Amino acid sequence: MSASLTLVLVMAVMYAAGVYVMLERSLTRVLIGFLLVGNATNLLIFIMSGRPGSSPIVTGTGLDDTMVDPIPQVLMLTAIVINFGITALLLALIYRSWWLAQLGDEGDTLTDEHEAETTDGADETFRSSSDDDDAIAESIDEFERGDGTHSDEEGVDSGGSGAAMRATPATRSRPASVTENRPDSSAGPDEEASR
């Protein structure tokens, strides 16, 4: 087996330059050095793979004698994938380092979005939410009693049965259990808040 002297020299220069650049403190230079070392490793595996030959596909013929060893090819593909993964990690670290450097003394702390909110505002929000829940419960109760209508039923009137199901809001009555627990619907929001 005879290796190309040019490939050996290129590999040696790439290893030397990669290690030298990786010893710097800058993450960008570490990334460049890692890329050089990774490519030099691929060249090393390529040089050590041996003589050229036919593709490593077993055919059962005389071409199998000149077949090249498939292991170095697999190792090179694996080295390329590992090199790509570590490059992506280093790029993420470089970006995060740059982002933190741009923030300055503030660092990685975030401002509180809800700092200006008071407990009165939160109580009002929850009160309006409970009013919505009450309206939904009332609507479900009306539907279960048969007073409510679907949008499907509004256009269908078979012999007057659909008209009997549709009642105007003025003719609907609420059961006593619903009116006892709920505030008067005619009271405005200011009257309700004063209770």
N, C-alpha and C. Protein backbone atom coordinates (compact mmCIF):
# COMPACT_ATOMS: atom_id res chain seq x y z
N MET A 1 0.84 -1.17 0.00
CA MET A 1 0.00 0.00 0.00
C MET A 1 0.89 1.24 0.00
N SER A 2 0.56 2.16 -0.87
CA SER A 2 1.33 3.41 -0.91
C SER A 2 0.35 4.57 -0.78
N ALA A 3 0.61 5.42 0.20
CA ALA A 3 -0.25 6.57 0.44
C ALA A 3 0.29 7.77 -0.31
N SER A 4 -0.59 8.64 -0.71
CA SER A 4 -0.18 9.85 -1.41
C SER A 4 0.47 10.80 -0.41
N LEU A 5 1.68 11.24 -0.74
CA LEU A 5 2.42 12.14 0.15
C LEU A 5 1.69 13.48 0.29
N THR A 6 1.03 13.91 -0.77
CA THR A 6 0.28 15.18 -0.71
C THR A 6 -0.84 15.11 0.31
N LEU A 7 -1.59 13.99 0.30
CA LEU A 7 -2.69 13.84 1.26
C LEU A 7 -2.18 13.78 2.70
N VAL A 8 -1.03 13.13 2.89
CA VAL A 8 -0.44 13.05 4.23
C VAL A 8 -0.03 14.43 4.71
N LEU A 9 0.59 15.23 3.83
CA LEU A 9 0.99 16.58 4.21
C LEU A 9 -0.23 17.48 4.50
N VAL A 10 -1.25 17.39 3.66
CA VAL A 10 -2.46 18.19 3.88
C VAL A 10 -3.10 17.81 5.21
N MET A 11 -3.15 16.50 5.50
CA MET A 11 -3.72 16.04 6.75
C MET A 11 -2.92 16.58 7.94
N ALA A 12 -1.60 16.52 7.86
CA ALA A 12 -0.75 17.00 8.96
C ALA A 12 -0.92 18.50 9.19
N VAL A 13 -0.98 19.27 8.09
CA VAL A 13 -1.17 20.72 8.22
C VAL A 13 -2.54 21.03 8.82
N MET A 14 -3.56 20.29 8.41
CA MET A 14 -4.91 20.53 8.94
C MET A 14 -4.97 20.20 10.44
N TYR A 15 -4.32 19.09 10.85
CA TYR A 15 -4.28 18.77 12.28
C TYR A 15 -3.55 19.86 13.06
N ALA A 16 -2.41 20.30 12.55
CA ALA A 16 -1.62 21.31 13.27
C ALA A 16 -2.38 22.63 13.37
N ALA A 17 -2.95 23.07 12.27
CA ALA A 17 -3.69 24.33 12.28
C ALA A 17 -4.93 24.23 13.16
N GLY A 18 -5.64 23.08 13.11
CA GLY A 18 -6.84 22.90 13.92
C GLY A 18 -6.55 22.92 15.41
N VAL A 19 -5.49 22.22 15.82
CA VAL A 19 -5.14 22.21 17.25
C VAL A 19 -4.69 23.59 17.69
N TYR A 20 -3.91 24.28 16.85
CA TYR A 20 -3.43 25.62 17.21
C TYR A 20 -4.61 26.59 17.38
N VAL A 21 -5.56 26.55 16.45
CA VAL A 21 -6.70 27.47 16.51
C VAL A 21 -7.63 27.11 17.67
N MET A 22 -7.76 25.82 17.99
CA MET A 22 -8.63 25.41 19.10
C MET A 22 -8.11 25.88 20.45
N LEU A 23 -6.83 26.18 20.57
CA LEU A 23 -6.26 26.61 21.84
C LEU A 23 -6.57 28.07 22.16
N GLU A 24 -7.20 28.79 21.25
CA GLU A 24 -7.59 30.17 21.50
C GLU A 24 -8.81 30.21 22.42
N ARG A 25 -9.07 31.39 23.00
CA ARG A 25 -10.19 31.52 23.93
C ARG A 25 -11.52 31.79 23.23
N SER A 26 -11.50 32.24 22.01
CA SER A 26 -12.72 32.59 21.29
C SER A 26 -13.46 31.32 20.86
N LEU A 27 -14.77 31.31 21.08
CA LEU A 27 -15.56 30.13 20.68
C LEU A 27 -15.61 29.97 19.17
N THR A 28 -15.55 31.06 18.44
CA THR A 28 -15.55 30.97 16.98
C THR A 28 -14.29 30.28 16.49
N ARG A 29 -13.16 30.59 17.10
CA ARG A 29 -11.91 29.93 16.72
C ARG A 29 -11.91 28.47 17.14
N VAL A 30 -12.52 28.17 18.26
CA VAL A 30 -12.65 26.76 18.67
C VAL A 30 -13.47 26.00 17.64
N LEU A 31 -14.54 26.62 17.14
CA LEU A 31 -15.36 25.98 16.11
C LEU A 31 -14.55 25.74 14.83
N ILE A 32 -13.80 26.74 14.38
CA ILE A 32 -12.99 26.59 13.17
C ILE A 32 -11.93 25.51 13.36
N GLY A 33 -11.31 25.49 14.54
CA GLY A 33 -10.31 24.46 14.82
C GLY A 33 -10.92 23.07 14.84
N PHE A 34 -12.11 22.97 15.41
CA PHE A 34 -12.77 21.66 15.44
C PHE A 34 -13.12 21.18 14.04
N LEU A 35 -13.56 22.09 13.18
CA LEU A 35 -13.85 21.71 11.79
C LEU A 35 -12.60 21.23 11.07
N LEU A 36 -11.47 21.92 11.30
CA LEU A 36 -10.21 21.49 10.68
C LEU A 36 -9.78 20.10 11.17
N VAL A 37 -9.89 19.87 12.47
CA VAL A 37 -9.50 18.57 13.02
C VAL A 37 -10.43 17.47 12.51
N GLY A 38 -11.73 17.77 12.42
CA GLY A 38 -12.67 16.78 11.91
C GLY A 38 -12.38 16.40 10.47
N ASN A 39 -12.10 17.38 9.62
CA ASN A 39 -11.78 17.08 8.22
C ASN A 39 -10.43 16.37 8.10
N ALA A 40 -9.48 16.71 8.96
CA ALA A 40 -8.20 16.00 8.94
C ALA A 40 -8.39 14.54 9.34
N THR A 41 -9.29 14.28 10.27
CA THR A 41 -9.58 12.90 10.66
C THR A 41 -10.21 12.13 9.50
N ASN A 42 -11.08 12.78 8.76
CA ASN A 42 -11.65 12.12 7.57
C ASN A 42 -10.56 11.79 6.55
N LEU A 43 -9.62 12.70 6.37
CA LEU A 43 -8.50 12.41 5.46
C LEU A 43 -7.65 11.24 5.98
N LEU A 44 -7.42 11.18 7.29
CA LEU A 44 -6.64 10.08 7.87
C LEU A 44 -7.32 8.75 7.60
N ILE A 45 -8.64 8.69 7.80
CA ILE A 45 -9.37 7.44 7.55
C ILE A 45 -9.31 7.10 6.06
N PHE A 46 -9.41 8.11 5.20
CA PHE A 46 -9.35 7.87 3.77
C PHE A 46 -7.98 7.34 3.34
N ILE A 47 -6.92 7.90 3.92
CA ILE A 47 -5.57 7.45 3.57
C ILE A 47 -5.35 6.01 4.04
N MET A 48 -5.88 5.68 5.22
CA MET A 48 -5.67 4.34 5.78
C MET A 48 -6.59 3.29 5.17
N SER A 49 -7.53 3.69 4.33
CA SER A 49 -8.50 2.73 3.80
C SER A 49 -7.90 1.73 2.83
N GLY A 50 -6.72 2.01 2.30
CA GLY A 50 -6.06 1.02 1.45
C GLY A 50 -6.24 1.31 -0.03
N ARG A 51 -6.04 0.27 -0.80
CA ARG A 51 -6.07 0.40 -2.25
C ARG A 51 -7.48 0.65 -2.76
N PRO A 52 -7.59 1.33 -3.91
CA PRO A 52 -8.92 1.51 -4.50
C PRO A 52 -9.39 0.20 -5.12
N GLY A 53 -10.68 0.05 -5.25
CA GLY A 53 -11.24 -1.15 -5.85
C GLY A 53 -12.69 -0.92 -6.22
N SER A 54 -13.37 -2.04 -6.49
CA SER A 54 -14.78 -1.93 -6.86
C SER A 54 -15.62 -1.66 -5.62
N SER A 55 -16.85 -1.26 -5.83
CA SER A 55 -17.72 -0.92 -4.71
C SER A 55 -18.00 -2.17 -3.87
N PRO A 56 -18.21 -1.98 -2.56
CA PRO A 56 -18.35 -3.13 -1.66
C PRO A 56 -19.75 -3.75 -1.70
N ILE A 57 -20.10 -4.27 -2.88
CA ILE A 57 -21.37 -4.98 -3.04
C ILE A 57 -21.03 -6.41 -3.45
N VAL A 58 -21.46 -7.38 -2.65
CA VAL A 58 -21.15 -8.79 -2.93
C VAL A 58 -22.05 -9.26 -4.07
N THR A 59 -21.41 -9.68 -5.16
CA THR A 59 -22.17 -10.15 -6.32
C THR A 59 -22.01 -11.64 -6.56
N GLY A 60 -21.02 -12.27 -5.95
CA GLY A 60 -20.78 -13.70 -6.17
C GLY A 60 -20.00 -13.98 -7.44
N THR A 61 -19.38 -12.94 -7.99
CA THR A 61 -18.59 -13.12 -9.22
C THR A 61 -17.13 -12.82 -8.91
N GLY A 62 -16.33 -12.74 -9.96
CA GLY A 62 -14.90 -12.47 -9.81
C GLY A 62 -14.62 -11.03 -9.37
N LEU A 63 -15.59 -10.12 -9.47
CA LEU A 63 -15.39 -8.74 -9.03
C LEU A 63 -15.25 -8.63 -7.51
N ASP A 64 -15.67 -9.67 -6.79
CA ASP A 64 -15.59 -9.63 -5.33
C ASP A 64 -14.14 -9.64 -4.84
N ASP A 65 -13.21 -10.11 -5.68
CA ASP A 65 -11.80 -10.15 -5.28
C ASP A 65 -11.19 -8.75 -5.22
N THR A 66 -11.69 -7.84 -6.05
CA THR A 66 -11.13 -6.47 -6.08
C THR A 66 -11.97 -5.48 -5.26
N MET A 67 -12.88 -6.02 -4.45
CA MET A 67 -13.77 -5.16 -3.68
C MET A 67 -12.99 -4.42 -2.59
N VAL A 68 -13.33 -3.14 -2.37
CA VAL A 68 -12.68 -2.31 -1.36
C VAL A 68 -13.31 -2.62 0.01
N ASP A 69 -12.54 -2.36 1.07
CA ASP A 69 -13.02 -2.60 2.43
C ASP A 69 -14.08 -1.55 2.78
N PRO A 70 -15.30 -1.94 3.21
CA PRO A 70 -16.36 -0.96 3.48
C PRO A 70 -16.24 -0.27 4.85
N ILE A 71 -15.43 -0.82 5.77
CA ILE A 71 -15.36 -0.26 7.12
C ILE A 71 -14.85 1.19 7.13
N PRO A 72 -13.78 1.55 6.40
CA PRO A 72 -13.35 2.96 6.41
C PRO A 72 -14.42 3.91 5.88
N GLN A 73 -15.19 3.47 4.90
CA GLN A 73 -16.25 4.32 4.38
C GLN A 73 -17.32 4.59 5.44
N VAL A 74 -17.65 3.54 6.19
CA VAL A 74 -18.63 3.68 7.26
C VAL A 74 -18.08 4.60 8.36
N LEU A 75 -16.80 4.45 8.68
CA LEU A 75 -16.20 5.30 9.71
C LEU A 75 -16.17 6.77 9.27
N MET A 76 -15.90 7.01 7.99
CA MET A 76 -15.90 8.39 7.50
C MET A 76 -17.29 9.00 7.57
N LEU A 77 -18.31 8.23 7.19
CA LEU A 77 -19.68 8.75 7.28
C LEU A 77 -20.05 9.06 8.73
N THR A 78 -19.65 8.18 9.64
CA THR A 78 -19.93 8.41 11.06
C THR A 78 -19.21 9.65 11.56
N ALA A 79 -17.95 9.83 11.14
CA ALA A 79 -17.19 11.00 11.56
C ALA A 79 -17.82 12.29 11.03
N ILE A 80 -18.35 12.24 9.82
CA ILE A 80 -19.01 13.42 9.25
C ILE A 80 -20.25 13.79 10.06
N VAL A 81 -21.04 12.79 10.43
CA VAL A 81 -22.26 13.05 11.21
C VAL A 81 -21.92 13.60 12.60
N ILE A 82 -20.92 13.02 13.25
CA ILE A 82 -20.51 13.50 14.57
C ILE A 82 -19.97 14.93 14.46
N ASN A 83 -19.18 15.18 13.43
CA ASN A 83 -18.64 16.52 13.21
C ASN A 83 -19.77 17.54 13.02
N PHE A 84 -20.79 17.17 12.27
CA PHE A 84 -21.93 18.05 12.04
C PHE A 84 -22.68 18.33 13.34
N GLY A 85 -22.91 17.30 14.15
CA GLY A 85 -23.64 17.47 15.41
C GLY A 85 -22.91 18.38 16.39
N ILE A 86 -21.60 18.18 16.51
CA ILE A 86 -20.83 19.02 17.44
C ILE A 86 -20.71 20.44 16.90
N THR A 87 -20.66 20.60 15.59
CA THR A 87 -20.66 21.95 15.01
C THR A 87 -21.96 22.67 15.33
N ALA A 88 -23.09 21.99 15.24
CA ALA A 88 -24.37 22.61 15.58
C ALA A 88 -24.40 23.01 17.06
N LEU A 89 -23.87 22.16 17.93
CA LEU A 89 -23.81 22.49 19.36
C LEU A 89 -22.94 23.71 19.60
N LEU A 90 -21.78 23.75 18.98
CA LEU A 90 -20.90 24.91 19.17
C LEU A 90 -21.51 26.19 18.61
N LEU A 91 -22.23 26.10 17.49
CA LEU A 91 -22.90 27.28 16.96
C LEU A 91 -23.97 27.79 17.93
N ALA A 92 -24.70 26.86 18.56
CA ALA A 92 -25.70 27.27 19.56
C ALA A 92 -25.03 27.93 20.76
N LEU A 93 -23.88 27.39 21.20
CA LEU A 93 -23.15 28.00 22.32
C LEU A 93 -22.62 29.39 21.95
N ILE A 94 -22.14 29.53 20.73
CA ILE A 94 -21.64 30.84 20.29
C ILE A 94 -22.77 31.86 20.26
N TYR A 95 -23.93 31.47 19.75
CA TYR A 95 -25.06 32.39 19.70
C TYR A 95 -25.51 32.77 21.10
N ARG A 96 -25.60 31.79 22.00
CA ARG A 96 -26.02 32.08 23.38
C ARG A 96 -25.01 33.00 24.08
N SER A 97 -23.75 32.77 23.86
CA SER A 97 -22.71 33.62 24.46
C SER A 97 -22.82 35.04 23.92
N TRP A 98 -23.05 35.18 22.63
CA TRP A 98 -23.20 36.52 22.05
C TRP A 98 -24.43 37.21 22.61
N TRP A 99 -25.54 36.47 22.76
CA TRP A 99 -26.78 37.04 23.27
C TRP A 99 -26.59 37.55 24.70
N LEU A 100 -25.94 36.76 25.54
CA LEU A 100 -25.71 37.19 26.92
C LEU A 100 -24.76 38.37 26.99
N ALA A 101 -23.80 38.43 26.07
CA ALA A 101 -22.88 39.56 26.05
C ALA A 101 -23.61 40.84 25.63
N GLN A 102 -24.62 40.74 24.79
CA GLN A 102 -25.38 41.92 24.35
C GLN A 102 -26.26 42.46 25.47
N LEU A 103 -26.69 41.60 26.40
CA LEU A 103 -27.56 42.05 27.48
C LEU A 103 -26.81 42.90 28.51
N GLY A 104 -25.51 42.70 28.62
CA GLY A 104 -24.70 43.51 29.54
C GLY A 104 -24.95 43.15 30.99
N ASP A 105 -25.06 44.20 31.85
CA ASP A 105 -25.21 43.97 33.29
C ASP A 105 -26.55 43.35 33.64
N GLU A 106 -27.54 43.50 32.78
CA GLU A 106 -28.86 42.94 33.06
C GLU A 106 -28.80 41.42 33.13
N GLY A 107 -27.91 40.84 32.34
CA GLY A 107 -27.74 39.39 32.37
C GLY A 107 -28.93 38.68 31.76
N ASP A 108 -29.25 37.55 32.33
CA ASP A 108 -30.31 36.71 31.79
C ASP A 108 -31.62 36.88 32.54
N THR A 109 -31.76 37.92 33.35
CA THR A 109 -32.99 38.12 34.11
C THR A 109 -34.04 38.75 33.21
N LEU A 110 -35.27 38.36 33.42
CA LEU A 110 -36.38 38.88 32.64
C LEU A 110 -37.21 39.81 33.52
N THR A 111 -37.79 40.82 32.90
CA THR A 111 -38.65 41.73 33.66
C THR A 111 -39.99 41.07 33.90
N ASP A 112 -40.65 41.45 35.00
CA ASP A 112 -41.94 40.88 35.35
C ASP A 112 -43.03 41.60 34.57
N GLU A 113 -43.75 40.85 33.74
CA GLU A 113 -44.80 41.43 32.90
C GLU A 113 -46.01 41.84 33.74
N HIS A 114 -46.25 41.16 34.86
CA HIS A 114 -47.45 41.38 35.65
C HIS A 114 -47.17 42.23 36.88
N GLU A 115 -46.10 42.98 36.89
CA GLU A 115 -45.73 43.78 38.05
C GLU A 115 -46.75 44.87 38.34
N ALA A 116 -47.33 45.47 37.30
CA ALA A 116 -48.26 46.58 37.48
C ALA A 116 -49.67 46.12 37.86
N GLU A 117 -49.95 44.84 37.78
CA GLU A 117 -51.29 44.36 38.10
C GLU A 117 -51.53 44.38 39.60
N THR A 118 -52.78 44.65 39.98
CA THR A 118 -53.15 44.67 41.39
C THR A 118 -54.11 43.54 41.68
N THR A 119 -54.39 43.32 42.95
CA THR A 119 -55.33 42.26 43.32
C THR A 119 -56.75 42.64 42.93
N ASP A 120 -57.07 43.94 42.91
CA ASP A 120 -58.41 44.35 42.49
C ASP A 120 -58.66 43.99 41.03
N GLY A 121 -57.67 44.20 40.19
CA GLY A 121 -57.81 43.84 38.78
C GLY A 121 -57.96 42.35 38.59
N ALA A 122 -57.23 41.57 39.39
CA ALA A 122 -57.35 40.11 39.29
C ALA A 122 -58.72 39.66 39.77
N ASP A 123 -59.27 40.28 40.85
CA ASP A 123 -60.60 39.93 41.33
C ASP A 123 -61.66 40.24 40.28
N GLU A 124 -61.51 41.36 39.60
CA GLU A 124 -62.47 41.73 38.55
C GLU A 124 -62.42 40.73 37.39
N THR A 125 -61.22 40.28 37.04
CA THR A 125 -61.08 39.29 35.97
C THR A 125 -61.75 37.99 36.35
N PHE A 126 -61.54 37.53 37.59
CA PHE A 126 -62.16 36.28 38.02
C PHE A 126 -63.67 36.44 38.15
N ARG A 127 -64.14 37.62 38.55
CA ARG A 127 -65.57 37.85 38.67
C ARG A 127 -66.22 37.74 37.29
N SER A 128 -65.62 38.36 36.26
CA SER A 128 -66.20 38.28 34.93
C SER A 128 -66.13 36.85 34.41
N SER A 129 -65.13 36.10 34.82
CA SER A 129 -65.03 34.70 34.41
C SER A 129 -66.15 33.89 35.04
N SER A 130 -66.47 34.16 36.32
CA SER A 130 -67.55 33.42 36.96
C SER A 130 -68.89 33.81 36.37
N ASP A 131 -69.06 35.06 35.91
CA ASP A 131 -70.29 35.45 35.23
C ASP A 131 -70.46 34.66 33.94
N ASP A 132 -69.35 34.45 33.22
CA ASP A 132 -69.42 33.64 32.01
C ASP A 132 -69.82 32.22 32.32
N ASP A 133 -69.26 31.66 33.40
CA ASP A 133 -69.61 30.30 33.81
C ASP A 133 -71.09 30.21 34.16
N ASP A 134 -71.61 31.23 34.83
CA ASP A 134 -73.04 31.24 35.18
C ASP A 134 -73.90 31.28 33.93
N ALA A 135 -73.51 32.08 32.95
CA ALA A 135 -74.28 32.17 31.71
C ALA A 135 -74.26 30.84 30.95
N ILE A 136 -73.13 30.17 30.97
CA ILE A 136 -73.04 28.87 30.30
C ILE A 136 -73.92 27.86 31.02
N ALA A 137 -73.89 27.85 32.35
CA ALA A 137 -74.73 26.92 33.12
C ALA A 137 -76.20 27.19 32.87
N GLU A 138 -76.60 28.46 32.79
CA GLU A 138 -77.99 28.81 32.51
C GLU A 138 -78.40 28.32 31.13
N SER A 139 -77.53 28.48 30.16
CA SER A 139 -77.83 28.03 28.81
C SER A 139 -78.00 26.52 28.76
N ILE A 140 -77.14 25.80 29.48
CA ILE A 140 -77.26 24.33 29.51
C ILE A 140 -78.55 23.92 30.20
N ASP A 141 -78.91 24.61 31.30
CA ASP A 141 -80.16 24.29 32.00
C ASP A 141 -81.36 24.50 31.09
N GLU A 142 -81.38 25.60 30.34
CA GLU A 142 -82.48 25.87 29.43
C GLU A 142 -82.58 24.80 28.36
N PHE A 143 -81.46 24.36 27.86
CA PHE A 143 -81.47 23.33 26.83
C PHE A 143 -81.99 22.01 27.37
N GLU A 144 -81.57 21.65 28.61
CA GLU A 144 -82.03 20.39 29.20
C GLU A 144 -83.52 20.42 29.50
N ARG A 145 -84.07 21.59 29.84
CA ARG A 145 -85.51 21.72 30.10
C ARG A 145 -86.30 21.70 28.80
N GLY A 146 -85.65 21.95 27.69
CA GLY A 146 -86.35 21.98 26.41
C GLY A 146 -86.69 23.39 25.98
N ASP A 147 -86.27 24.41 26.74
CA ASP A 147 -86.57 25.79 26.36
C ASP A 147 -85.60 26.30 25.30
N GLY A 148 -84.37 25.77 25.28
CA GLY A 148 -83.34 26.25 24.35
C GLY A 148 -83.53 25.65 22.97
N THR A 149 -82.92 26.24 22.01
CA THR A 149 -83.01 25.76 20.64
C THR A 149 -81.63 25.61 20.07
N HIS A 150 -81.54 24.70 19.11
CA HIS A 150 -80.32 24.55 18.32
C HIS A 150 -80.48 25.38 17.07
N SER A 151 -79.38 25.69 16.43
CA SER A 151 -79.46 26.38 15.15
C SER A 151 -80.09 25.47 14.10
N ASP A 152 -80.01 24.13 14.28
CA ASP A 152 -80.62 23.19 13.36
C ASP A 152 -82.15 23.25 13.45
N GLU A 153 -82.69 23.48 14.67
CA GLU A 153 -84.12 23.43 14.90
C GLU A 153 -84.82 24.69 14.41
N GLU A 154 -84.10 25.79 14.28
CA GLU A 154 -84.75 27.05 13.96
C GLU A 154 -85.38 27.03 12.57
N GLY A 155 -84.76 26.37 11.62
CA GLY A 155 -85.30 26.38 10.26
C GLY A 155 -86.28 25.25 10.02
N VAL A 156 -86.44 24.30 10.96
CA VAL A 156 -87.29 23.14 10.75
C VAL A 156 -88.57 23.33 11.54
N ASP A 157 -89.71 23.21 10.88
CA ASP A 157 -90.98 23.31 11.57
C ASP A 157 -91.89 22.23 11.00
N SER A 158 -91.97 21.10 11.70
CA SER A 158 -92.79 20.00 11.19
C SER A 158 -94.08 19.95 12.01
N GLY A 159 -95.14 20.45 11.48
CA GLY A 159 -96.44 20.39 12.13
C GLY A 159 -96.52 21.22 13.40
N GLY A 160 -95.75 22.25 13.54
CA GLY A 160 -95.88 23.12 14.69
C GLY A 160 -95.08 22.68 15.90
N SER A 161 -94.42 21.53 15.86
CA SER A 161 -93.66 21.08 17.03
C SER A 161 -92.43 21.95 17.24
N GLY A 162 -91.82 22.45 16.16
CA GLY A 162 -90.66 23.32 16.30
C GLY A 162 -91.05 24.66 16.90
N ALA A 163 -92.25 25.14 16.58
CA ALA A 163 -92.70 26.42 17.12
C ALA A 163 -92.95 26.32 18.61
N ALA A 164 -93.39 25.15 19.07
CA ALA A 164 -93.64 24.97 20.50
C ALA A 164 -92.32 24.94 21.26
N MET A 165 -91.27 24.43 20.62
CA MET A 165 -89.97 24.36 21.27
C MET A 165 -89.33 25.73 21.37
N ARG A 166 -89.59 26.62 20.39
CA ARG A 166 -88.99 27.94 20.40
C ARG A 166 -89.84 28.87 21.25
N ALA A 167 -89.22 29.38 22.28
CA ALA A 167 -89.94 30.33 23.13
C ALA A 167 -89.16 31.63 23.15
N THR A 168 -89.85 32.70 23.29
CA THR A 168 -89.17 33.98 23.35
C THR A 168 -88.54 34.14 24.72
N PRO A 169 -87.52 34.97 24.84
CA PRO A 169 -86.88 35.17 26.14
C PRO A 169 -87.83 35.67 27.21
N ALA A 170 -88.88 36.41 26.82
CA ALA A 170 -89.81 36.94 27.81
C ALA A 170 -90.66 35.83 28.42
N THR A 171 -90.93 34.74 27.64
CA THR A 171 -91.80 33.68 28.16
C THR A 171 -91.05 32.62 28.93
N ARG A 172 -89.74 32.63 28.88
CA ARG A 172 -88.95 31.63 29.60
C ARG A 172 -88.92 31.98 31.08
N SER A 173 -88.97 30.98 31.92
CA SER A 173 -88.85 31.23 33.37
C SER A 173 -87.74 30.37 33.92
N ARG A 174 -87.06 30.89 34.92
CA ARG A 174 -85.96 30.15 35.52
C ARG A 174 -86.48 29.41 36.73
N PRO A 175 -85.93 28.21 36.99
CA PRO A 175 -86.32 27.51 38.21
C PRO A 175 -85.84 28.27 39.44
N ALA A 176 -86.46 27.97 40.58
CA ALA A 176 -86.14 28.69 41.82
C ALA A 176 -84.71 28.45 42.26
N SER A 177 -84.15 27.26 42.00
CA SER A 177 -82.79 26.97 42.43
C SER A 177 -81.78 27.83 41.68
N VAL A 178 -82.07 28.20 40.44
CA VAL A 178 -81.15 29.02 39.67
C VAL A 178 -81.21 30.46 40.14
N THR A 179 -82.42 30.97 40.45
CA THR A 179 -82.54 32.37 40.83
C THR A 179 -82.05 32.64 42.24
N GLU A 180 -82.01 31.62 43.10
CA GLU A 180 -81.54 31.84 44.47
C GLU A 180 -80.04 32.09 44.53
N ASN A 181 -79.27 31.37 43.74
CA ASN A 181 -77.82 31.44 43.82
C ASN A 181 -77.20 32.49 42.93
N ARG A 182 -77.94 33.04 42.02
CA ARG A 182 -77.37 33.99 41.07
C ARG A 182 -77.80 35.40 41.41
N PRO A 183 -76.91 36.38 41.15
CA PRO A 183 -77.30 37.77 41.39
C PRO A 183 -78.35 38.21 40.38
N ASP A 184 -79.08 39.25 40.72
CA ASP A 184 -80.12 39.77 39.86
C ASP A 184 -79.51 40.21 38.54
N SER A 185 -80.06 39.69 37.42
CA SER A 185 -79.49 40.02 36.11
C SER A 185 -79.78 41.45 35.71
N SER A 186 -80.80 42.08 36.33
CA SER A 186 -81.11 43.47 35.97
C SER A 186 -80.17 44.44 36.65
N ALA A 187 -79.43 43.98 37.70
CA ALA A 187 -78.50 44.86 38.39
C ALA A 187 -77.29 45.09 37.52
N GLY A 188 -76.82 46.29 37.49
CA GLY A 188 -75.65 46.62 36.69
C GLY A 188 -74.38 46.16 37.35
N PRO A 189 -73.23 46.26 36.68
CA PRO A 189 -71.97 45.80 37.25
C PRO A 189 -71.55 46.62 38.47
N ASP A 190 -71.96 47.92 38.53
CA ASP A 190 -71.60 48.74 39.69
C ASP A 190 -72.37 48.31 40.92
N GLU A 191 -73.66 47.95 40.73
CA GLU A 191 -74.46 47.50 41.86
C GLU A 191 -73.97 46.16 42.36
N GLU A 192 -73.57 45.30 41.42
CA GLU A 192 -73.08 43.98 41.81
C GLU A 192 -71.79 44.09 42.59
N ALA A 193 -70.90 45.00 42.21
CA ALA A 193 -69.61 45.16 42.88
C ALA A 193 -69.78 45.72 44.27
N SER A 194 -70.86 46.49 44.51
CA SER A 194 -71.04 47.08 45.83
C SER A 194 -71.60 46.10 46.84
N ARG A 195 -72.09 44.95 46.40
CA ARG A 195 -72.65 43.97 47.33
C ARG A 195 -71.61 43.30 48.17
